Every structure is written in C-alpha cells, then in structure tokens.
Amino acid sequence: MALTNLPVEILEHIVRHALPEGFESLALTCRKIYAMCTPFIARHNLLRSHFQHVIFYEKMGDPLYTIRSAFDLIARIVTEPIVARYVRYLESKVDSCFLYHRPRHLYPDVNCGDVVIKSFAESPYLKQAGLDWQEYYDEIEKDLEAARYSQYAAAFLLTLLPNVEKIALPKKWKSVLATDKLIDAVIHKARQSYHLPFDTSSLTKLTEFEDSVPLNAHQRFDMALASPFLALPRVRSFWGPSCVARQDSGHQSIDKSQLTYPFGESLETVDFVSSDIDPAGIAIFLKHTTRLRKLTYSHASKDSEGPHDDDWDICNFVTKIEHAVGAHLEELSISIRELRGSLTPGRASLRGFQQLRKLELPIEFAVCNASADAAADRNIILSLESLTIEDGSTNHPTSDNKQPILGHLIPPSVRQLSLLSSGAQDHAKALEVIFRHFAAKKPSKLPALEEIYLSCPDSADDLYKEECAELQAETEKAGVVLHLKAWSFNFL
C-alpha cells in the first residue's frame, strides 16, 4: 500500500511523529504529504529557531521563550515534550546568571501534582540512580528560592535530551553525590541502547562536548568532571579550555570516576587549551583513546592551586602521549601558553609516532631533550651540542656518525612541521644545531616532510633572524617550503 493511500488520520499521526527529526524530508515526499504538513510548518520553524541552539539568557517581554536556567528549560520541555527533540546544541555556560528572586508562587509545589512535579516522580533515571525524587526536587526548590545556580536542575535537564549533539556545561558545574549518580545512570543507559535504531535515551547522539571555563578566568576545570561524558558512545570531539589534571594538585583523580566503563573510546579530536596536565594525567586520559587522530595541548600553569611544583616535564609528557596513541595519532600540537616554573630536562624520542602527519612543538622541547649531565646545568649550547644520535652503528658516537637532532625528534611520516619560538638569542643556536646538515639528511630521515612553519617575530634577536635566513636557503636545497611567521604559536 502506498503511503498516500493510508487514511488521513493515520497520515496525520505519521506527520506528528516525524516532528522534528524527519519532518522536512517527509514534507518533500509529494504534494499530498506536503499539504498535510503545511499546518505544522510554521510551528516547526518557530520551535527550531528557538530551541535548536539553546543559550541561557533573558529575553524581555517573551517569557515563553526565555531560558534563564536549567529549570526554565525543564519546565518548558515537560509542558511541551516535543521541545526536547529540537535541542541540538545546549550552551548552558551562563546557567542561572540571569536569575533574579522571583515570588515563590511562580514555582510548582512538590505536592501540587503539577506536570513538572510529575516529570520528577516518573523519571526512570532517578529511579535507576536510586535517588528519592522528592528529596531531589527539594534541593532544586532550595536553589530556586535563593535564585542561585542549581546543580540538581542542571543534571536533571540532561536526562531529557534525546537529540542533543553538542553540550557546553555550566560554568558552575560541580561534583555532587546525587547528581553524579544521576549522570552515571544517563551514561549507562546511553551506552546500553545507542545501537538501537529507534532509541530515545538522553545524550545518545552527543558527538561534541566542552567545558565552559573561559581561557582567561581564574577558575580551572577538573578533568574528573569530564570523564563521564567522554564515556558516551558517540562523543568524537572534546574542547577543554583551562583543564587541570595533576596528581599533586588536590583535584579529583580522573581515573576515580564512579563509572564502570572506560572513557574516551570514541574520541577523535581533543583540544586542551591553556591547561595544566602532568604526564600521569595525560597518560590516564589517553589510556583508551584508540580512535584519537588529533591532539592539541597548550600548557598554562597560571593560577595553579595546591602545593605542586610549577615545573613542567615536557619530555615525559610527550613520551606518555607516544606510548598511548603513537600508533594512530595523525596531528599533534604542543605549545607553551604560560609557564611559571621551568621545563624539566629529559630525553624523549618521537620516532614511535607511526602515522603522524602534522607536528607542532616549541623549540624548548629540543633543548630539554639533552643528556642528563648537560641538561643539569641548563646551558642550551652544551645541551644541544652534547645530544648525539647514532645512525645505527654499534660503535661509540663520533663526529662522523652524528645525525641532526631533527631526525631523532621528528617522525619520518611528518609532512608539516611547526616550530614555536620567541626568537631569543639562545633559540638561534638551537636552530643551528637542530637543522645541521638538513638538506643532506632530509631524504633519508624525513622523506615525507614538505613544509616547515617557523615563528620569527619582529622582536626576534638579530642572530635568530640570521639563522632563519640561513635555514631558508637550506630548506630550498632540500625542496621543503619554509614559512616564517610573525606570531609565535599554533600554526596547526
């Protein structure tokens, strides 16, 4: 039987059921179906414009579409359930920032049988988490009466979003035992049912997740808060500004989640911007990221908390990344945004990255990659000159079998290399040593290399600029394009 031969009542039911996911495709099926969809088009467009990308804000004169807090959106969804299916991007960073103290009668009473109350009483997620719905709602009431952010409301909202694809958490998101249990129940249900074609579990379609701490804020985002969401089955991207994960910082450990399953299995892209993560923290985070293709990390130890040392062991940090994702990572960017302490000298080789195509590093990484004795005196010239890489010979190193440091630190698969520098005088010596005999050694050591991006600020030391000019001639001989850029980080 053709679809158009069905009774009108059944067709109308099909049209309503198609909202919003398949409504537009259904409307374009034929003229008869389009005519049946016409009465719904205006409402569909209105709801989509208001709720496809939800941002909490004050909309004066339009209370029906004003979303100041998570509770406002909860109330809107439970009074018109189809609204939940329109939400694709939930940007709740400023949750409750626009609240003011409203009269108590504007909120439903826990015993009044209101539809909002019913949604809590019948919530399968609260039951699965073993939480008393009345006690849970009481906590929300307390927050509403005080016109403040409610972690309880923010967490409950995440039980109502079957089609959301991207979430930015509230700035004040925190760990509370009850809400942690509720989120765990949501994640558990999503992992169980995401492969079912008609499943409507909340957060099942989430592909992008981000914390909401501004880059220049004093606040830090504890990585332990992100781990449950990164265990969702379809999360591909994580944007994590101002993240912290240090074993000695006093923050929660990201491997102590209540979850009984690993996180990060579906991640493909991770951006840690202005973050403070130690080698142990990055090792834990990357433990199960078997699909990771791109990793960006800029280090900033500003506003650090706890008794930990502000020095950063960059060599060990990169080594942990190599051990965890070296077999499949394709793009890696490491930069220094702000460093209160110093870089810890050490040894690391990037030759274990088998699929790396784009690589960005600070020149200081090569400096730190020195022998223990030379690195101990922190002398860049001694450190670099003493770093001897053997070409496979079993004999003791001599001047004849020294290889460029570049050939040791850069994987042969790299096509695009970016080196970050402030243009200081000691970095000029670093360039000289790193690219020594580059044209001669490039074919065997770096056969895939096509482009080099090198920061050369206007304020750079004259010696550094001279070294850049010499490198330009050397790369031309090797058939590699050198781009000299005035800025100092993040070319990739």
Protein backbone atom coordinates (compact mmCIF):
# COMPACT_ATOMS: atom_id res chain seq x y z
CA MET A 1 0.00 0.00 0.00
CA ALA A 2 1.32 3.45 -0.93
CA LEU A 3 1.81 5.92 1.91
CA THR A 4 -0.67 8.33 0.36
CA ASN A 5 -3.40 5.65 0.36
CA LEU A 6 -3.43 5.48 4.14
CA PRO A 7 -6.37 7.05 5.98
CA VAL A 8 -5.97 10.74 6.73
CA GLU A 9 -6.00 10.11 10.49
CA ILE A 10 -3.03 7.77 10.20
CA LEU A 11 -1.15 10.16 7.93
CA GLU A 12 -1.65 12.99 10.42
CA HIS A 13 -0.29 10.76 13.15
CA ILE A 14 2.75 9.96 10.98
CA VAL A 15 3.36 13.67 10.35
CA ARG A 16 3.21 14.47 14.05
CA HIS A 17 5.50 11.57 14.87
CA ALA A 18 8.04 12.77 12.25
CA LEU A 19 8.47 16.11 14.05
CA PRO A 20 11.14 17.30 14.15
CA GLU A 21 13.63 14.65 13.05
CA GLY A 22 12.13 13.55 9.73
CA PHE A 23 9.55 16.25 9.19
CA GLU A 24 11.29 18.17 6.39
CA SER A 25 12.14 15.03 4.43
CA LEU A 26 8.59 13.77 4.82
CA ALA A 27 7.12 17.09 3.65
CA LEU A 28 9.09 16.87 0.41
CA THR A 29 7.80 13.38 -0.41
CA CYS A 30 4.92 14.53 -2.59
CA ARG A 31 2.33 17.28 -2.93
CA LYS A 32 -0.32 15.46 -0.91
CA ILE A 33 2.04 14.85 2.02
CA TYR A 34 3.29 18.43 1.78
CA ALA A 35 -0.28 19.71 2.02
CA MET A 36 -0.77 17.67 5.20
CA CYS A 37 2.48 19.03 6.62
CA THR A 38 1.68 22.66 5.83
CA PRO A 39 -0.28 23.36 9.05
CA PHE A 40 2.74 22.25 11.08
CA ILE A 41 5.45 24.15 9.18
CA ALA A 42 5.14 27.50 10.97
CA ARG A 43 5.24 25.87 14.40
CA HIS A 44 8.13 23.65 13.34
CA ASN A 45 10.18 26.63 12.16
CA LEU A 46 9.41 28.58 15.34
CA LEU A 47 10.46 25.79 17.68
CA ARG A 48 13.56 25.09 15.64
CA SER A 49 14.65 28.74 15.69
CA HIS A 50 14.28 28.96 19.46
CA PHE A 51 15.46 25.56 20.62
CA GLN A 52 17.85 24.07 18.08
CA HIS A 53 20.67 26.07 19.70
CA VAL A 54 19.75 26.81 23.31
CA ILE A 55 21.57 29.63 25.05
CA PHE A 56 20.51 30.73 28.52
CA TYR A 57 19.62 34.42 28.53
CA GLU A 58 16.98 36.98 29.48
CA LYS A 59 14.51 37.73 26.69
CA MET A 60 12.47 40.69 27.82
CA GLY A 61 8.76 40.61 27.01
CA ASP A 62 8.75 36.99 25.83
CA PRO A 63 8.61 34.70 28.89
CA LEU A 64 7.59 31.66 26.83
CA TYR A 65 10.98 31.59 25.09
CA THR A 66 13.16 32.96 27.89
CA ILE A 67 15.55 30.34 29.24
CA ARG A 68 17.48 31.70 32.25
CA SER A 69 18.33 28.43 33.91
CA ALA A 70 18.18 24.67 33.57
CA PHE A 71 14.90 24.63 35.49
CA ASP A 72 13.31 27.02 32.96
CA LEU A 73 14.15 24.62 30.14
CA ILE A 74 12.95 21.64 32.18
CA ALA A 75 9.59 23.34 32.73
CA ARG A 76 9.34 24.21 29.04
CA ILE A 77 10.09 20.63 27.97
CA VAL A 78 7.69 18.88 30.33
CA THR A 79 4.82 21.19 29.33
CA GLU A 80 5.57 20.65 25.61
CA PRO A 81 7.66 17.48 25.30
CA ILE A 82 8.42 17.93 21.60
CA VAL A 83 10.70 20.85 22.53
CA ALA A 84 13.29 18.39 23.87
CA ARG A 85 13.61 16.79 20.45
CA TYR A 86 14.54 20.11 18.84
CA VAL A 87 17.56 20.73 21.05
CA ARG A 88 20.77 20.03 19.15
CA TYR A 89 23.23 22.32 20.93
CA LEU A 90 22.90 23.13 24.63
CA GLU A 91 25.14 26.03 25.59
CA SER A 92 24.44 26.34 29.31
CA LYS A 93 27.60 28.20 30.32
CA VAL A 94 25.67 31.05 31.95
CA ASP A 95 23.08 28.86 33.66
CA SER A 96 21.26 30.98 36.30
CA CYS A 97 23.35 34.11 35.67
CA PHE A 98 20.14 35.93 34.70
CA LEU A 99 18.06 34.71 37.65
CA TYR A 100 16.50 37.17 40.00
CA HIS A 101 14.48 36.50 43.12
CA ARG A 102 11.01 35.75 41.84
CA PRO A 103 7.92 35.28 44.04
CA ARG A 104 7.64 31.77 45.45
CA HIS A 105 4.24 31.16 43.81
CA LEU A 106 5.90 31.11 40.37
CA TYR A 107 7.39 27.70 41.12
CA PRO A 108 5.36 24.49 41.34
CA ASP A 109 4.89 22.94 44.76
CA VAL A 110 6.16 19.43 45.31
CA ASN A 111 2.71 18.23 46.40
CA CYS A 112 0.53 20.05 43.85
CA GLY A 113 0.56 17.38 41.14
CA ASP A 114 1.95 19.81 38.60
CA VAL A 115 3.24 18.35 35.33
CA VAL A 116 6.76 19.41 36.32
CA ILE A 117 6.48 17.52 39.58
CA LYS A 118 5.17 14.51 37.68
CA SER A 119 8.26 14.51 35.46
CA PHE A 120 10.45 14.10 38.52
CA ALA A 121 8.21 11.50 40.13
CA GLU A 122 8.20 9.37 36.97
CA SER A 123 11.82 9.86 35.94
CA PRO A 124 13.35 6.47 35.08
CA TYR A 125 16.83 7.94 35.55
CA LEU A 126 16.20 9.00 39.15
CA LYS A 127 14.87 5.50 39.85
CA GLN A 128 17.84 3.83 38.18
CA ALA A 129 20.21 6.02 40.19
CA GLY A 130 18.45 5.01 43.41
CA LEU A 131 17.51 8.61 44.24
CA ASP A 132 14.36 9.75 46.04
CA TRP A 133 12.64 12.12 43.62
CA GLN A 134 11.05 14.22 46.37
CA GLU A 135 14.38 14.78 48.11
CA TYR A 136 15.95 15.58 44.75
CA TYR A 137 13.28 18.13 43.88
CA ASP A 138 13.51 19.65 47.37
CA GLU A 139 17.12 20.54 46.60
CA ILE A 140 16.06 22.28 43.40
CA GLU A 141 13.40 24.21 45.31
CA LYS A 142 16.01 25.49 47.76
CA ASP A 143 18.16 26.72 44.90
CA LEU A 144 15.21 28.34 43.13
CA GLU A 145 14.09 30.17 46.25
CA ALA A 146 17.62 31.55 46.64
CA ALA A 147 17.75 32.48 42.93
CA ARG A 148 21.03 30.61 42.51
CA TYR A 149 22.56 28.00 40.24
CA SER A 150 21.21 24.51 40.84
CA GLN A 151 23.48 21.55 40.12
CA TYR A 152 20.44 19.33 40.66
CA ALA A 153 18.43 21.07 37.93
CA ALA A 154 21.41 21.19 35.54
CA ALA A 155 21.94 17.43 35.90
CA PHE A 156 18.24 16.56 35.60
CA LEU A 157 17.99 18.56 32.36
CA LEU A 158 20.49 16.16 30.81
CA THR A 159 18.02 13.31 31.28
CA LEU A 160 15.57 14.94 28.83
CA LEU A 161 17.59 15.49 25.63
CA PRO A 162 17.42 12.58 23.14
CA ASN A 163 18.74 14.51 20.10
CA VAL A 164 21.35 16.85 21.57
CA GLU A 165 24.64 16.65 19.64
CA LYS A 166 26.76 19.22 21.46
CA ILE A 167 26.88 20.33 25.10
CA ALA A 168 28.77 23.08 26.89
CA LEU A 169 28.48 22.61 30.64
CA PRO A 170 27.55 25.42 33.06
CA LYS A 171 30.46 27.42 34.49
CA LYS A 172 29.42 26.32 37.98
CA TRP A 173 29.12 22.62 37.17
CA LYS A 174 30.43 20.61 40.11
CA SER A 175 30.55 17.19 41.67
CA VAL A 176 27.66 16.35 43.99
CA LEU A 177 26.99 12.78 45.06
CA ALA A 178 23.33 12.73 43.96
CA THR A 179 23.92 14.40 40.59
CA ASP A 180 26.99 12.23 39.95
CA LYS A 181 24.77 9.17 40.39
CA LEU A 182 22.15 10.63 38.07
CA ILE A 183 24.66 11.40 35.32
CA ASP A 184 26.11 7.91 35.71
CA ALA A 185 22.63 6.48 35.12
CA VAL A 186 22.25 8.60 31.96
CA ILE A 187 25.63 7.48 30.61
CA HIS A 188 24.91 3.84 31.44
CA LYS A 189 21.57 3.92 29.60
CA ALA A 190 23.10 5.68 26.57
CA ARG A 191 25.86 3.10 26.28
CA GLN A 192 23.39 0.25 26.52
CA SER A 193 20.99 1.46 23.87
CA TYR A 194 22.83 3.67 21.39
CA HIS A 195 22.90 0.95 18.72
CA LEU A 196 19.10 0.60 18.72
CA PRO A 197 17.62 2.43 15.68
CA PHE A 198 14.63 3.99 17.46
CA ASP A 199 16.10 4.57 20.88
CA THR A 200 15.25 7.88 22.58
CA SER A 201 17.64 7.72 25.52
CA SER A 202 19.09 11.05 26.55
CA LEU A 203 22.58 12.06 25.31
CA THR A 204 22.78 9.04 22.99
CA LYS A 205 23.54 11.27 19.98
CA LEU A 206 26.06 13.54 21.69
CA THR A 207 29.16 13.95 19.49
CA GLU A 208 30.79 17.14 20.86
CA PHE A 209 31.47 18.00 24.48
CA GLU A 210 33.13 21.04 26.01
CA ASP A 211 33.73 22.52 29.40
CA SER A 212 32.83 26.16 29.81
CA VAL A 213 35.68 27.74 31.77
CA PRO A 214 36.94 30.86 29.94
CA LEU A 215 40.60 30.86 28.92
CA ASN A 216 41.42 33.94 30.99
CA ALA A 217 39.43 33.01 34.08
CA HIS A 218 40.96 32.15 37.44
CA GLN A 219 38.73 29.08 37.56
CA ARG A 220 40.01 25.68 36.45
CA PHE A 221 38.01 22.75 35.09
CA ASP A 222 38.72 19.50 36.88
CA MET A 223 39.17 16.74 34.30
CA ALA A 224 37.36 14.31 36.62
CA LEU A 225 34.14 16.17 35.78
CA ALA A 226 34.55 15.44 32.06
CA SER A 227 35.27 11.71 32.21
CA PRO A 228 31.63 10.52 32.48
CA PHE A 229 30.60 12.48 29.38
CA LEU A 230 33.61 11.21 27.44
CA ALA A 231 32.32 7.69 28.05
CA LEU A 232 29.27 8.39 25.88
CA PRO A 233 29.27 6.12 22.82
CA ARG A 234 29.33 8.78 20.07
CA VAL A 235 31.45 11.58 21.52
CA ARG A 236 34.05 12.42 18.87
CA SER A 237 35.31 15.83 19.99
CA PHE A 238 36.34 17.36 23.31
CA TRP A 239 37.11 21.06 23.70
CA GLY A 240 38.76 21.53 27.08
CA PRO A 241 39.99 25.02 27.91
CA SER A 242 41.60 25.58 31.33
CA CYS A 243 41.60 21.89 32.25
CA VAL A 244 43.65 20.65 35.18
CA ALA A 245 44.74 17.08 35.86
CA ARG A 246 47.69 16.83 38.22
CA GLN A 247 48.23 14.13 40.77
CA ASP A 248 49.52 16.63 43.34
CA SER A 249 47.02 19.44 42.79
CA GLY A 250 44.28 18.48 45.22
CA HIS A 251 41.77 17.92 42.40
CA GLN A 252 39.88 14.69 41.87
CA SER A 253 41.73 11.98 40.01
CA ILE A 254 40.26 11.41 36.57
CA ASP A 255 40.61 7.64 36.98
CA LYS A 256 38.42 7.52 40.10
CA SER A 257 35.08 8.03 38.38
CA GLN A 258 32.08 6.03 39.54
CA LEU A 259 31.83 4.73 36.00
CA THR A 260 32.45 1.05 35.46
CA TYR A 261 33.47 1.52 31.82
CA PRO A 262 36.35 3.34 30.12
CA PHE A 263 36.07 6.86 28.75
CA GLY A 264 37.46 8.30 25.51
CA GLU A 265 36.96 5.23 23.33
CA SER A 266 35.21 7.18 20.55
CA LEU A 267 37.24 10.41 20.77
CA GLU A 268 38.88 11.59 17.54
CA THR A 269 39.78 15.22 18.34
CA VAL A 270 40.90 16.72 21.67
CA ASP A 271 41.83 20.34 22.32
CA PHE A 272 43.37 21.20 25.69
CA VAL A 273 43.73 24.98 25.58
CA SER A 274 45.56 26.83 28.35
CA SER A 275 45.58 23.71 30.51
CA ASP A 276 47.75 22.24 33.26
CA ILE A 277 48.10 18.47 32.89
CA ASP A 278 51.02 16.45 34.16
CA PRO A 279 52.43 13.29 32.49
CA ALA A 280 50.43 10.98 34.78
CA GLY A 281 47.24 12.88 34.00
CA ILE A 282 47.68 12.73 30.22
CA ALA A 283 48.53 9.02 30.41
CA ILE A 284 45.28 8.29 32.26
CA PHE A 285 43.25 10.43 29.89
CA LEU A 286 44.65 8.79 26.75
CA LYS A 287 44.54 5.23 28.06
CA HIS A 288 41.52 4.14 26.00
CA THR A 289 41.55 6.70 23.14
CA THR A 290 42.13 4.16 20.40
CA ARG A 291 40.49 6.35 17.73
CA LEU A 292 42.22 9.64 18.54
CA ARG A 293 43.51 11.40 15.43
CA LYS A 294 44.26 14.96 16.58
CA LEU A 295 45.58 16.22 19.93
CA THR A 296 46.23 19.88 20.71
CA TYR A 297 47.70 20.96 24.03
CA SER A 298 48.82 24.40 25.19
CA HIS A 299 50.34 24.49 28.66
CA ALA A 300 49.50 27.19 31.21
CA SER A 301 50.44 26.83 34.86
CA LYS A 302 48.97 30.20 35.84
CA ASP A 303 46.62 30.38 38.79
CA SER A 304 47.66 26.89 39.80
CA GLU A 305 46.26 25.50 43.02
CA GLY A 306 47.72 23.22 45.65
CA PRO A 307 51.30 22.56 46.71
CA HIS A 308 52.57 21.19 43.41
CA ASP A 309 55.68 22.38 41.60
CA ASP A 310 55.08 24.65 38.61
CA ASP A 311 57.88 23.00 36.60
CA TRP A 312 56.68 21.01 33.59
CA ASP A 313 58.24 17.73 32.48
CA ILE A 314 57.55 18.20 28.77
CA CYS A 315 59.72 15.28 27.66
CA ASN A 316 57.90 12.81 29.90
CA PHE A 317 54.59 14.39 28.85
CA VAL A 318 55.29 13.75 25.15
CA THR A 319 56.60 10.25 25.91
CA LYS A 320 53.30 9.37 27.63
CA ILE A 321 51.41 10.57 24.55
CA GLU A 322 53.62 8.47 22.30
CA HIS A 323 53.09 5.34 24.38
CA ALA A 324 49.31 5.79 24.45
CA VAL A 325 48.42 6.96 20.93
CA GLY A 326 51.63 6.84 18.90
CA ALA A 327 50.32 4.07 16.66
CA HIS A 328 47.39 6.08 15.29
CA LEU A 329 47.72 9.81 16.08
CA GLU A 330 47.87 11.96 12.92
CA GLU A 331 48.17 15.52 14.27
CA LEU A 332 49.94 16.69 17.42
CA SER A 333 50.38 20.25 18.67
CA ILE A 334 52.25 21.08 21.88
CA SER A 335 52.78 24.70 22.87
CA ILE A 336 53.51 26.80 25.95
CA ARG A 337 50.99 29.50 26.71
CA GLU A 338 52.32 30.40 30.17
CA LEU A 339 54.91 28.73 32.37
CA ARG A 340 55.57 29.88 35.91
CA GLY A 341 58.30 27.37 36.63
CA SER A 342 60.73 25.85 34.15
CA LEU A 343 60.87 22.94 31.75
CA THR A 344 62.34 19.81 33.28
CA PRO A 345 65.27 18.43 31.24
CA GLY A 346 64.82 14.91 29.95
CA ARG A 347 65.01 12.59 26.97
CA ALA A 348 62.22 11.72 24.57
CA SER A 349 62.04 10.47 21.01
CA LEU A 350 59.03 10.95 18.75
CA ARG A 351 60.05 8.24 16.33
CA GLY A 352 57.37 5.98 17.78
CA PHE A 353 54.60 8.05 16.18
CA GLN A 354 53.83 5.91 13.15
CA GLN A 355 51.04 7.88 11.44
CA LEU A 356 51.85 11.48 12.40
CA ARG A 357 51.33 13.92 9.52
CA LYS A 358 51.35 17.31 11.29
CA LEU A 359 53.53 18.19 14.25
CA GLU A 360 53.91 21.40 16.23
CA LEU A 361 56.45 21.80 19.05
CA PRO A 362 58.20 24.57 20.96
CA ILE A 363 61.92 24.80 20.28
CA GLU A 364 62.44 24.36 24.02
CA PHE A 365 61.42 20.73 23.59
CA ALA A 366 64.62 20.06 21.68
CA VAL A 367 66.60 21.92 24.31
CA CYS A 368 65.15 19.77 27.08
CA ASN A 369 65.93 16.67 25.06
CA ALA A 370 69.52 16.51 26.19
CA SER A 371 71.78 14.27 28.18
CA ALA A 372 71.25 14.37 31.93
CA ASP A 373 74.62 15.90 32.70
CA ALA A 374 74.43 18.65 30.11
CA ALA A 375 70.78 19.40 30.88
CA ALA A 376 71.55 19.73 34.56
CA ASP A 377 73.46 22.95 34.01
CA ARG A 378 70.58 24.34 31.88
CA ASN A 379 73.03 25.56 29.21
CA ILE A 380 71.31 25.40 25.85
CA ILE A 381 74.50 25.25 23.81
CA LEU A 382 76.06 22.48 25.87
CA SER A 383 72.78 20.59 26.00
CA LEU A 384 72.25 20.67 22.26
CA GLU A 385 75.85 20.07 21.26
CA SER A 386 76.09 17.10 23.61
CA LEU A 387 72.99 15.42 22.23
CA THR A 388 74.44 12.73 19.97
CA ILE A 389 72.21 10.44 17.94
CA GLU A 390 73.78 7.33 16.46
CA ASP A 391 72.85 6.25 12.95
CA GLY A 392 72.52 2.57 13.85
CA SER A 393 76.19 1.91 14.37
CA THR A 394 77.17 -0.17 17.37
CA ASN A 395 80.36 1.88 17.76
CA HIS A 396 80.72 4.76 20.14
CA PRO A 397 79.42 8.02 18.67
CA THR A 398 81.85 10.17 16.77
CA SER A 399 81.52 13.36 14.82
CA ASP A 400 81.14 11.28 11.66
CA ASN A 401 78.01 9.45 12.70
CA LYS A 402 76.18 12.33 14.38
CA GLN A 403 72.72 12.92 12.96
CA PRO A 404 70.63 16.08 13.14
CA ILE A 405 68.54 16.29 16.27
CA LEU A 406 65.65 16.90 13.90
CA GLY A 407 65.99 13.37 12.54
CA HIS A 408 65.74 11.95 16.04
CA LEU A 409 62.81 14.01 17.28
CA ILE A 410 60.64 14.18 14.16
CA PRO A 411 58.89 11.04 12.87
CA PRO A 412 59.60 10.18 9.21
CA SER A 413 55.86 10.33 8.41
CA VAL A 414 55.56 14.07 9.20
CA ARG A 415 54.60 16.27 6.24
CA GLN A 416 54.09 19.57 8.04
CA LEU A 417 56.32 20.70 10.89
CA SER A 418 55.78 23.81 13.04
CA LEU A 419 58.39 25.07 15.49
CA LEU A 420 57.44 27.73 18.02
CA SER A 421 59.93 30.28 19.29
CA SER A 422 60.08 33.70 20.91
CA GLY A 423 63.12 34.47 18.74
CA ALA A 424 65.54 34.64 21.67
CA GLN A 425 69.29 34.52 21.07
CA ASP A 426 69.71 31.06 22.55
CA HIS A 427 67.00 29.81 20.17
CA ALA A 428 69.24 30.84 17.28
CA LYS A 429 71.81 28.31 18.46
CA ALA A 430 69.03 25.77 18.81
CA LEU A 431 68.02 26.28 15.18
CA GLU A 432 71.61 25.89 14.04
CA VAL A 433 72.04 22.58 15.83
CA ILE A 434 68.57 21.19 15.06
CA PHE A 435 68.82 21.76 11.31
CA ARG A 436 72.51 20.94 10.88
CA HIS A 437 73.07 19.08 7.58
CA PHE A 438 69.33 19.28 6.94
CA ALA A 439 69.46 19.16 3.13
CA ALA A 440 71.77 16.16 3.14
CA LYS A 441 69.91 14.16 5.77
CA LYS A 442 66.34 15.07 4.87
CA PRO A 443 65.77 12.37 2.16
CA SER A 444 66.64 9.50 4.49
CA LYS A 445 65.41 10.86 7.82
CA LEU A 446 62.37 12.92 6.87
CA PRO A 447 61.25 11.70 3.43
CA ALA A 448 57.65 12.95 3.77
CA LEU A 449 58.42 16.48 5.00
CA GLU A 450 57.02 19.16 2.69
CA GLU A 451 56.55 22.29 4.79
CA ILE A 452 58.09 23.91 7.85
CA TYR A 453 56.38 26.71 9.76
CA LEU A 454 58.78 28.67 11.93
CA SER A 455 57.87 31.59 14.15
CA CYS A 456 60.06 34.62 13.54
CA PRO A 457 58.61 37.58 15.48
CA ASP A 458 59.56 41.14 14.60
CA SER A 459 61.06 41.38 18.08
CA ALA A 460 63.33 38.37 17.49
CA ASP A 461 67.04 38.65 18.18
CA ASP A 462 69.17 39.58 15.14
CA LEU A 463 71.15 36.36 15.45
CA TYR A 464 67.90 34.39 15.37
CA LYS A 465 66.75 36.23 12.23
CA GLU A 466 70.08 35.47 10.56
CA GLU A 467 69.66 31.79 11.42
CA CYS A 468 66.16 31.86 9.90
CA ALA A 469 67.59 33.30 6.68
CA GLU A 470 70.22 30.55 6.53
CA LEU A 471 67.57 27.95 7.14
CA GLN A 472 65.55 29.38 4.26
CA ALA A 473 68.42 28.61 1.88
CA GLU A 474 68.93 25.15 3.39
CA THR A 475 65.27 24.18 3.02
CA GLU A 476 65.22 25.38 -0.59
CA LYS A 477 68.05 22.99 -1.37
CA ALA A 478 66.05 20.20 0.25
CA GLY A 479 62.85 21.02 -1.66
CA VAL A 480 60.99 21.96 1.52
CA VAL A 481 58.88 25.12 1.80
CA LEU A 482 59.74 27.28 4.81
CA HIS A 483 57.10 29.69 6.13
CA LEU A 484 58.41 32.37 8.50
CA LYS A 485 55.56 33.68 10.64
CA ALA A 486 55.45 36.72 12.90
CA TRP A 487 53.30 35.04 15.56
CA SER A 488 54.67 32.54 17.98
CA PHE A 489 52.29 29.61 18.39
CA ASN A 490 49.57 27.41 16.96
CA PHE A 491 50.02 27.06 13.21
CA LEU A 492 48.13 23.76 13.02
